[in-house]
Protein backbone atom coordinates (compact mmCIF):
# COMPACT_ATOMS: atom_id res chain seq x y z
CA MET A 1 19.87 -56.20 -59.39
CA PHE A 2 22.83 -53.90 -58.92
CA ASP A 3 26.21 -55.18 -60.09
CA PHE A 4 29.22 -54.04 -58.08
CA LYS A 5 32.53 -55.86 -57.75
CA PHE A 6 33.67 -56.48 -54.18
CA ASN A 7 37.30 -57.34 -53.37
CA LYS A 8 36.44 -59.90 -50.67
CA ALA A 9 33.60 -62.33 -50.07
CA PHE A 10 32.86 -61.15 -46.50
CA TYR A 11 33.40 -57.93 -44.57
CA LYS A 12 33.18 -56.82 -40.98
CA GLU A 13 30.57 -54.11 -40.48
CA ALA A 14 33.01 -51.19 -40.41
CA GLU A 15 34.65 -52.38 -43.63
CA LEU A 16 31.30 -52.79 -45.36
CA LEU A 17 30.20 -49.30 -44.36
CA LYS A 18 33.38 -47.84 -45.85
CA ILE A 19 32.58 -49.46 -49.19
CA VAL A 20 28.81 -49.03 -49.11
CA PRO A 21 28.57 -45.54 -47.60
CA VAL A 22 25.42 -45.89 -45.51
CA PRO A 23 25.44 -43.95 -42.24
CA ARG A 24 25.84 -46.35 -39.30
CA SER A 25 22.58 -45.14 -37.71
CA THR A 26 20.70 -45.78 -40.96
CA PHE A 27 22.37 -49.18 -41.30
CA TYR A 28 21.09 -50.20 -37.85
CA SER A 29 17.70 -48.63 -38.42
CA TRP A 30 17.21 -50.61 -41.63
CA GLN A 31 18.25 -53.83 -39.85
CA CYS A 32 15.80 -53.22 -37.02
CA GLU A 33 13.00 -52.40 -39.46
CA TRP A 34 13.74 -55.55 -41.49
CA ILE A 35 13.77 -57.77 -38.40
CA SER A 36 10.64 -56.15 -36.94
CA LYS A 37 8.77 -57.14 -40.10
CA GLY A 38 9.66 -60.76 -39.35
CA ASN A 39 12.48 -61.04 -41.88
CA ASP A 40 15.77 -62.82 -41.33
CA PRO A 41 18.87 -60.57 -41.35
CA LYS A 42 20.65 -63.33 -43.30
CA LEU A 43 18.60 -62.13 -46.27
CA MET A 44 20.41 -58.80 -45.89
CA GLY A 45 23.78 -60.56 -46.03
CA LYS A 46 24.43 -60.85 -42.29
CA ILE A 47 26.58 -63.87 -41.40
CA LEU A 48 26.98 -64.97 -37.79
CA VAL A 49 29.99 -67.13 -36.94
CA LYS A 50 28.85 -69.98 -34.68
CA GLY A 51 30.27 -69.99 -31.19
CA THR A 52 31.47 -66.38 -31.39
CA SER A 53 30.05 -62.88 -31.39
CA THR A 54 31.73 -62.21 -34.73
CA VAL A 55 29.49 -60.92 -37.50
CA PHE A 56 30.40 -60.65 -41.14
CA TRP A 57 28.49 -59.23 -44.06
CA ASP A 58 28.26 -60.50 -47.61
CA GLY A 59 28.64 -57.23 -49.51
CA ALA A 60 26.95 -58.45 -52.68
CA ILE A 61 23.88 -59.72 -50.81
CA TYR A 62 23.66 -56.51 -48.77
CA LEU A 63 23.94 -54.32 -51.85
CA ASN A 64 21.28 -56.33 -53.67
CA TRP A 65 19.04 -56.10 -50.59
CA LEU A 66 19.57 -52.34 -50.53
CA TYR A 67 18.76 -52.06 -54.23
CA GLU A 68 15.64 -54.24 -54.03
CA ASN A 69 14.23 -53.02 -50.71
CA LYS A 70 15.20 -49.37 -50.46
CA PHE A 71 16.26 -48.08 -53.88
CA ASN A 72 13.24 -49.58 -55.67
CA MET A 73 10.70 -49.28 -52.86
CA GLU A 74 7.29 -47.68 -53.28
CA THR A 75 7.05 -44.74 -50.90
CA LYS A 76 3.91 -43.82 -49.01
CA TYR A 77 5.28 -41.96 -46.01
CA THR A 78 7.90 -39.24 -45.57
CA TYR A 79 10.31 -41.53 -43.71
CA GLU A 80 10.11 -44.05 -46.57
CA ALA A 81 10.94 -41.30 -49.06
CA GLU A 82 13.96 -40.35 -46.92
CA ASP A 83 15.15 -43.98 -46.84
CA LYS A 84 14.78 -44.20 -50.60
CA LYS A 85 16.68 -40.93 -51.04
CA LYS A 86 19.58 -42.29 -48.94
CA ALA A 87 19.63 -45.52 -50.96
CA VAL A 88 19.63 -43.61 -54.25
CA LEU A 89 22.61 -41.56 -53.06
CA VAL A 90 24.53 -44.70 -52.06
CA ILE A 91 23.83 -46.50 -55.34
CA THR A 92 24.68 -43.38 -57.34
CA LYS A 93 27.99 -42.97 -55.51
CA LEU A 94 28.91 -46.63 -56.02
CA THR A 95 28.01 -46.41 -59.71
CA GLN A 96 30.29 -43.39 -60.10
CA GLN A 97 33.14 -45.11 -58.23
CA GLN A 98 32.83 -48.20 -60.38
CA LYS A 99 33.08 -46.14 -63.57
CA GLU A 100 36.34 -44.53 -62.37
């Protein structure tokens, strides 16, 4: 589990991606991959507001998902190694920011 202190409980997507610097295309790709495997995006931290199209993200859940499912993943294929590399860069950057 990766420990990072967030300022708010929930973030809109753009806000989350400013804090957790994952490229938007990668962010969507990882969501699609997760859902295609039959998993619920709520487990990634996605929060849908009933009756609206508003989506929020729980930063702590998303970061833990990233750490568990991308940073620590076993790689077999080149694209998996690339995903892991991106996750390692994100976690490394957040670790450095937290130390500052």
